[in-house]
PDB file of N, CA and C in Angstrom:
ATOM      1  N   UNK A   1     127.591 114.320  14.461  1.00  0.00           N
ATOM      2  CA  UNK A   1     127.561 113.237  13.703  1.00  0.00           C
ATOM      3  C   UNK A   1     126.007 112.882  13.624  1.00  0.00           C
ATOM      4  N   UNK A   2     125.580 112.641  12.369  1.00  0.00           N
ATOM      5  CA  UNK A   2     124.078 112.391  12.389  1.00  0.00           C
ATOM      6  C   UNK A   2     123.898 111.086  11.543  1.00  0.00           C
ATOM      7  N   UNK A   3     123.523 109.832  12.290  1.00  0.00           N
ATOM      8  CA  UNK A   3     123.161 108.783  11.943  1.00  0.00           C
ATOM      9  C   UNK A   3     121.712 108.410  11.326  1.00  0.00           C
ATOM     10  N   UNK A   4     121.323 108.945  10.155  1.00  0.00           N
ATOM     11  CA  UNK A   4     120.123 108.790   9.597  1.00  0.00           C
ATOM     12  C   UNK A   4     119.842 107.398   9.149  1.00  0.00           C
ATOM     13  N   UNK A   5     120.656 106.310   9.178  1.00  0.00           N
ATOM     14  CA  UNK A   5     120.343 104.962   9.249  1.00  0.00           C
ATOM     15  C   UNK A   5     119.570 104.348  10.296  1.00  0.00           C
ATOM     16  N   UNK A   6     119.752 104.907  11.335  1.00  0.00           N
ATOM     17  CA  UNK A   6     118.831 104.811  12.748  1.00  0.00           C
ATOM     18  C   UNK A   6     117.428 105.028  12.460  1.00  0.00           C
ATOM     19  N   UNK A   7     117.084 105.900  11.742  1.00  0.00           N
ATOM     20  CA  UNK A   7     115.767 106.218  11.507  1.00  0.00           C
ATOM     21  C   UNK A   7     115.073 105.312  10.411  1.00  0.00           C
ATOM     22  N   UNK A   8     115.944 104.841   9.491  1.00  0.00           N
ATOM     23  CA  UNK A   8     115.248 104.012   8.310  1.00  0.00           C
ATOM     24  C   UNK A   8     114.827 102.482   8.843  1.00  0.00           C
ATOM     25  N   UNK A   9     113.950 101.829   8.307  1.00  0.00           N
ATOM     26  CA  UNK A   9     113.522 100.474   8.703  1.00  0.00           C
ATOM     27  C   UNK A   9     114.700  99.576   8.196  1.00  0.00           C
ATOM     28  N   UNK A  10     114.915  98.525   8.681  1.00  0.00           N
ATOM     29  CA  UNK A  10     115.641  97.555   8.166  1.00  0.00           C
ATOM     30  C   UNK A  10     115.147  96.814   7.328  1.00  0.00           C
ATOM     31  N   UNK A  11     115.477  96.689   5.947  1.00  0.00           N
ATOM     32  CA  UNK A  11     114.632  95.921   4.720  1.00  0.00           C
ATOM     33  C   UNK A  11     115.327  94.486   4.860  1.00  0.00           C
ATOM     34  N   UNK A  12     114.753  93.700   5.728  1.00  0.00           N
ATOM     35  CA  UNK A  12     115.437  92.305   5.942  1.00  0.00           C
ATOM     36  C   UNK A  12     114.470  91.326   5.477  1.00  0.00           C
ATOM     37  N   UNK A  13     113.318  91.490   4.672  1.00  0.00           N
ATOM     38  CA  UNK A  13     112.748  90.481   4.043  1.00  0.00           C
ATOM     39  C   UNK A  13     112.757  90.992   2.496  1.00  0.00           C
ATOM     40  N   UNK A  14     112.509  89.701   1.777  1.00  0.00           N
ATOM     41  CA  UNK A  14     112.165  89.744   0.102  1.00  0.00           C
ATOM     42  C   UNK A  14     110.830  89.403  -0.148  1.00  0.00           C
ATOM     43  N   UNK A  15     109.996  90.018  -0.722  1.00  0.00           N
ATOM     44  CA  UNK A  15     108.937  89.451  -1.430  1.00  0.00           C
ATOM     45  C   UNK A  15     109.191  88.401  -2.416  1.00  0.00           C
ATOM     46  N   UNK A  16     108.261  87.504  -2.198  1.00  0.00           N
ATOM     47  CA  UNK A  16     108.482  86.234  -3.014  1.00  0.00           C
ATOM     48  C   UNK A  16     107.616  86.411  -4.189  1.00  0.00           C
ATOM     49  N   UNK A  17     106.982  87.288  -4.464  1.00  0.00           N
ATOM     50  CA  UNK A  17     105.960  87.982  -5.475  1.00  0.00           C
ATOM     51  C   UNK A  17     106.772  88.750  -6.641  1.00  0.00           C
ATOM     52  N   UNK A  18     107.382  89.804  -5.806  1.00  0.00           N
ATOM     53  CA  UNK A  18     108.079  90.909  -7.122  1.00  0.00           C
ATOM     54  C   UNK A  18     109.453  90.766  -6.632  1.00  0.00           C
ATOM     55  N   UNK A  19     110.337  90.195  -5.669  1.00  0.00           N
ATOM     56  CA  UNK A  19     111.741  90.243  -5.232  1.00  0.00           C
ATOM     57  C   UNK A  19     111.892  91.430  -4.570  1.00  0.00           C
ATOM     58  N   UNK A  20     111.297  92.185  -4.249  1.00  0.00           N
ATOM     59  CA  UNK A  20     111.496  93.531  -3.605  1.00  0.00           C
ATOM     60  C   UNK A  20     111.857  93.406  -2.075  1.00  0.00           C
ATOM     61  N   UNK A  21     112.710  94.249  -1.581  1.00  0.00           N
ATOM     62  CA  UNK A  21     112.994  94.305  -0.175  1.00  0.00           C
ATOM     63  C   UNK A  21     112.104  95.035   0.647  1.00  0.00           C
ATOM     64  N   UNK A  22     111.805  94.628   1.882  1.00  0.00           N
ATOM     65  CA  UNK A  22     110.760  95.149   2.774  1.00  0.00           C
ATOM     66  C   UNK A  22     111.046  94.696   4.168  1.00  0.00           C
ATOM     67  N   UNK A  23     110.349  95.240   5.060  1.00  0.00           N
ATOM     68  CA  UNK A  23     110.309  94.724   6.427  1.00  0.00           C
ATOM     69  C   UNK A  23     108.824  94.564   6.982  1.00  0.00           C
ATOM     70  N   UNK A  24     108.778  93.027   7.244  1.00  0.00           N
ATOM     71  CA  UNK A  24     107.559  92.525   7.749  1.00  0.00           C
ATOM     72  C   UNK A  24     107.555  92.847   9.249  1.00  0.00           C
ATOM     73  N   UNK A  25     106.609  93.554   9.721  1.00  0.00           N
ATOM     74  CA  UNK A  25     106.330  94.137  10.942  1.00  0.00           C
ATOM     75  C   UNK A  25     105.658  93.087  11.893  1.00  0.00           C
ATOM     76  N   UNK A  26     105.247  92.061  11.436  1.00  0.00           N
ATOM     77  CA  UNK A  26     104.267  91.383  12.163  1.00  0.00           C
ATOM     78  C   UNK A  26     104.808  90.940  13.544  1.00  0.00           C
ATOM     79  N   UNK A  27     106.086  90.775  13.688  1.00  0.00           N
ATOM     80  CA  UNK A  27     106.930  90.462  14.895  1.00  0.00           C
ATOM     81  C   UNK A  27     107.003  91.580  15.834  1.00  0.00           C
ATOM     82  N   UNK A  28     106.774  92.977  15.110  1.00  0.00           N
ATOM     83  CA  UNK A  28     107.064  93.961  15.830  1.00  0.00           C
ATOM     84  C   UNK A  28     105.529  94.687  16.491  1.00  0.00           C
ATOM     85  N   UNK A  29     104.742  93.622  16.352  1.00  0.00           N
ATOM     86  CA  UNK A  29     103.672  94.162  16.864  1.00  0.00           C
ATOM     87  C   UNK A  29     102.566  95.045  15.862  1.00  0.00           C
ATOM     88  N   UNK A  30     103.022  95.199  14.961  1.00  0.00           N
ATOM     89  CA  UNK A  30     102.234  95.918  13.959  1.00  0.00           C
ATOM     90  C   UNK A  30     102.896  96.219  12.409  1.00  0.00           C
ATOM     91  N   UNK A  31     102.169  95.655  11.521  1.00  0.00           N
ATOM     92  CA  UNK A  31     102.574  95.766  10.020  1.00  0.00           C
ATOM     93  C   UNK A  31     101.576  96.444   9.326  1.00  0.00           C
ATOM     94  N   UNK A  32     102.210  97.086   8.293  1.00  0.00           N
ATOM     95  CA  UNK A  32     101.154  97.832   7.492  1.00  0.00           C
ATOM     96  C   UNK A  32     100.214  97.075   6.801  1.00  0.00           C
ATOM     97  N   UNK A  33     100.467  95.567   6.659  1.00  0.00           N
ATOM     98  CA  UNK A  33      99.188  94.942   6.277  1.00  0.00           C
ATOM     99  C   UNK A  33      98.112  94.716   7.114  1.00  0.00           C
ATOM    100  N   UNK A  34      98.398  94.953   8.394  1.00  0.00           N
ATOM    101  CA  UNK A  34      97.355  94.876   9.358  1.00  0.00           C
ATOM    102  C   UNK A  34      96.155  95.642   8.967  1.00  0.00           C
ATOM    103  N   UNK A  35      96.508  96.752   8.350  1.00  0.00           N
ATOM    104  CA  UNK A  35      95.190  97.794   7.748  1.00  0.00           C
ATOM    105  C   UNK A  35      94.750  97.348   6.733  1.00  0.00           C
ATOM    106  N   UNK A  36      95.183  96.568   6.094  1.00  0.00           N
ATOM    107  CA  UNK A  36      94.631  96.141   4.452  1.00  0.00           C
ATOM    108  C   UNK A  36      93.548  95.164   4.525  1.00  0.00           C
ATOM    109  N   UNK A  37      92.550  95.509   3.917  1.00  0.00           N
ATOM    110  CA  UNK A  37      91.388  94.406   3.787  1.00  0.00           C
ATOM    111  C   UNK A  37      91.579  93.641   2.760  1.00  0.00           C
ATOM    112  N   UNK A  38      91.734  92.104   2.816  1.00  0.00           N
ATOM    113  CA  UNK A  38      91.882  91.025   2.018  1.00  0.00           C
ATOM    114  C   UNK A  38      90.660  90.388   2.160  1.00  0.00           C
ATOM    115  N   UNK A  39      90.172  89.959   0.952  1.00  0.00           N
ATOM    116  CA  UNK A  39      88.996  88.795   1.235  1.00  0.00           C
ATOM    117  C   UNK A  39      89.749  87.662   1.718  1.00  0.00           C
ATOM    118  N   UNK A  40      88.908  86.865   2.196  1.00  0.00           N
ATOM    119  CA  UNK A  40      89.133  85.424   2.647  1.00  0.00           C
ATOM    120  C   UNK A  40      89.419  84.464   1.553  1.00  0.00           C
ATOM    121  N   UNK A  41      89.131  84.711   0.321  1.00  0.00           N
ATOM    122  CA  UNK A  41      89.585  84.077  -0.875  1.00  0.00           C
ATOM    123  C   UNK A  41      90.903  84.185  -1.267  1.00  0.00           C
ATOM    124  N   UNK A  42      91.145  85.624  -0.929  1.00  0.00           N
ATOM    125  CA  UNK A  42      92.294  85.940  -1.599  1.00  0.00           C
ATOM    126  C   UNK A  42      93.495  85.711  -0.560  1.00  0.00           C
ATOM    127  N   UNK A  43      92.996  85.788   0.734  1.00  0.00           N
ATOM    128  CA  UNK A  43      93.998  85.372   1.590  1.00  0.00           C
ATOM    129  C   UNK A  43      94.353  83.610   1.521  1.00  0.00           C
ATOM    130  N   UNK A  44      93.208  83.027   1.143  1.00  0.00           N
ATOM    131  CA  UNK A  44      93.393  81.629   0.948  1.00  0.00           C
ATOM    132  C   UNK A  44      94.360  81.231  -0.012  1.00  0.00           C
ATOM    133  N   UNK A  45      94.190  82.100  -1.182  1.00  0.00           N
ATOM    134  CA  UNK A  45      94.884  81.870  -2.303  1.00  0.00           C
ATOM    135  C   UNK A  45      96.287  82.276  -2.082  1.00  0.00           C
ATOM    136  N   UNK A  46      96.560  83.466  -1.430  1.00  0.00           N
ATOM    137  CA  UNK A  46      97.962  83.783  -1.041  1.00  0.00           C
ATOM    138  C   UNK A  46      98.811  82.849  -0.126  1.00  0.00           C
ATOM    139  N   UNK A  47      98.107  82.215   0.748  1.00  0.00           N
ATOM    140  CA  UNK A  47      98.705  81.182   1.813  1.00  0.00           C
ATOM    141  C   UNK A  47      99.169  79.911   0.991  1.00  0.00           C
ATOM    142  N   UNK A  48      98.116  79.456  -0.199  1.00  0.00           N
ATOM    143  CA  UNK A  48      98.530  78.362  -0.906  1.00  0.00           C
ATOM    144  C   UNK A  48      99.689  78.572  -1.965  1.00  0.00           C
ATOM    145  N   UNK A  49      99.779  79.739  -2.493  1.00  0.00           N
ATOM    146  CA  UNK A  49     100.933  80.248  -3.406  1.00  0.00           C
ATOM    147  C   UNK A  49     102.165  80.523  -2.889  1.00  0.00           C
ATOM    148  N   UNK A  50     102.086  81.262  -1.683  1.00  0.00           N
ATOM    149  CA  UNK A  50     103.404  81.788  -1.180  1.00  0.00           C
ATOM    150  C   UNK A  50     103.533  81.264   0.476  1.00  0.00           C
ATOM    151  N   UNK A  51     104.962  80.849   0.783  1.00  0.00           N
ATOM    152  CA  UNK A  51     105.087  80.479   2.108  1.00  0.00           C
ATOM    153  C   UNK A  51     105.860  81.384   3.049  1.00  0.00           C
ATOM    154  N   UNK A  52     105.728  82.714   2.461  1.00  0.00           N
ATOM    155  CA  UNK A  52     106.254  84.170   3.298  1.00  0.00           C
ATOM    156  C   UNK A  52     105.402  85.260   2.953  1.00  0.00           C
ATOM    157  N   UNK A  53     105.564  86.288   3.811  1.00  0.00           N
ATOM    158  CA  UNK A  53     104.893  87.544   3.478  1.00  0.00           C
ATOM    159  C   UNK A  53     105.271  88.074   2.345  1.00  0.00           C
ATOM    160  N   UNK A  54     104.223  89.025   1.787  1.00  0.00           N
ATOM    161  CA  UNK A  54     104.555  89.736   0.740  1.00  0.00           C
ATOM    162  C   UNK A  54     104.679  91.056   0.802  1.00  0.00           C
ATOM    163  N   UNK A  55     105.319  91.896   0.176  1.00  0.00           N
ATOM    164  CA  UNK A  55     105.387  93.274   0.682  1.00  0.00           C
ATOM    165  C   UNK A  55     103.961  94.020   0.422  1.00  0.00           C
ATOM    166  N   UNK A  56     104.057  95.162   1.271  1.00  0.00           N
ATOM    167  CA  UNK A  56     102.438  95.869   1.117  1.00  0.00           C
ATOM    168  C   UNK A  56     102.200  96.483  -0.176  1.00  0.00           C
ATOM    169  N   UNK A  57     103.119  96.754  -1.073  1.00  0.00           N
ATOM    170  CA  UNK A  57     102.812  97.087  -2.365  1.00  0.00           C
ATOM    171  C   UNK A  57     102.112  96.046  -3.475  1.00  0.00           C
ATOM    172  N   UNK A  58     102.640  94.970  -3.328  1.00  0.00           N
ATOM    173  CA  UNK A  58     102.178  93.652  -3.734  1.00  0.00           C
ATOM    174  C   UNK A  58     100.741  93.391  -3.282  1.00  0.00           C
ATOM    175  N   UNK A  59     100.624  93.352  -2.045  1.00  0.00           N
ATOM    176  CA  UNK A  59      99.309  92.939  -1.371  1.00  0.00           C
ATOM    177  C   UNK A  59      98.171  94.145  -1.666  1.00  0.00           C
ATOM    178  N   UNK A  60      98.560  95.482  -1.945  1.00  0.00           N
ATOM    179  CA  UNK A  60      97.666  96.575  -2.410  1.00  0.00           C
ATOM    180  C   UNK A  60      97.385  96.160  -3.947  1.00  0.00           C
ATOM    181  N   UNK A  61      98.409  95.964  -4.470  1.00  0.00           N
ATOM    182  CA  UNK A  61      98.119  95.697  -6.016  1.00  0.00           C
ATOM    183  C   UNK A  61      96.953  94.557  -6.159  1.00  0.00           C
ATOM    184  N   UNK A  62      97.311  93.384  -5.343  1.00  0.00           N
ATOM    185  CA  UNK A  62      96.577  92.255  -5.752  1.00  0.00           C
ATOM    186  C   UNK A  62      94.951  92.578  -4.881  1.00  0.00           C
ATOM    187  N   UNK A  63      94.689  93.284  -3.998  1.00  0.00           N
ATOM    188  CA  UNK A  63      93.589  93.791  -3.554  1.00  0.00           C
ATOM    189  C   UNK A  63      92.860  94.551  -4.342  1.00  0.00           C
ATOM    190  N   UNK A  64      93.333  95.328  -5.021  1.00  0.00           N
ATOM    191  CA  UNK A  64      92.852  96.119  -6.112  1.00  0.00           C
ATOM    192  C   UNK A  64      92.396  95.424  -7.127  1.00  0.00           C
ATOM    193  N   UNK A  65      93.454  94.579  -7.654  1.00  0.00           N
ATOM    194  CA  UNK A  65      92.996  93.716  -8.725  1.00  0.00           C
ATOM    195  C   UNK A  65      91.729  92.815  -8.551  1.00  0.00           C
ATOM    196  N   UNK A  66      91.697  92.455  -7.435  1.00  0.00           N
ATOM    197  CA  UNK A  66      90.580  91.420  -6.919  1.00  0.00           C
ATOM    198  C   UNK A  66      89.277  92.471  -6.955  1.00  0.00           C
ATOM    199  N   UNK A  67      89.335  93.546  -6.538  1.00  0.00           N
ATOM    200  CA  UNK A  67      88.255  94.508  -6.289  1.00  0.00           C
ATOM    201  C   UNK A  67      87.771  94.805  -8.021  1.00  0.00           C
ATOM    202  N   UNK A  68      88.632  95.146  -8.571  1.00  0.00           N
ATOM    203  CA  UNK A  68      88.365  95.381  -9.926  1.00  0.00           C
ATOM    204  C   UNK A  68      87.650  94.246 -10.730  1.00  0.00           C
ATOM    205  N   UNK A  69      88.188  93.151 -10.492  1.00  0.00           N
ATOM    206  CA  UNK A  69      87.525  92.058 -11.126  1.00  0.00           C
ATOM    207  C   UNK A  69      86.462  91.657 -10.976  1.00  0.00           C
ATOM    208  N   UNK A  70      86.102  91.894  -9.454  1.00  0.00           N
ATOM    209  CA  UNK A  70      84.724  91.709  -9.074  1.00  0.00           C
ATOM    210  C   UNK A  70      83.621  92.639  -9.295  1.00  0.00           C
ATOM    211  N   UNK A  71      83.743  93.466 -10.241  1.00  0.00           N
ATOM    212  CA  UNK A  71      82.965  94.574 -10.712  1.00  0.00           C
ATOM    213  C   UNK A  71      82.149  94.077 -11.710  1.00  0.00           C
TER     214      UNK A  71
END
């Protein structure tokens, strides 16, 4: 019997920005967001606007938008 569900991450968090399910790995000692470069201004904005973690897709989108607006 092959239980492939054991290999999939548990999507136990919900992104407050997009509503999508994701797994925050901060408590697991590594999360995808650890490798993402966010400016101090964007970090401050996100902390003021949201009380929980955002999914990696939203964080990448916000970082990219910030980079494009700074050009």
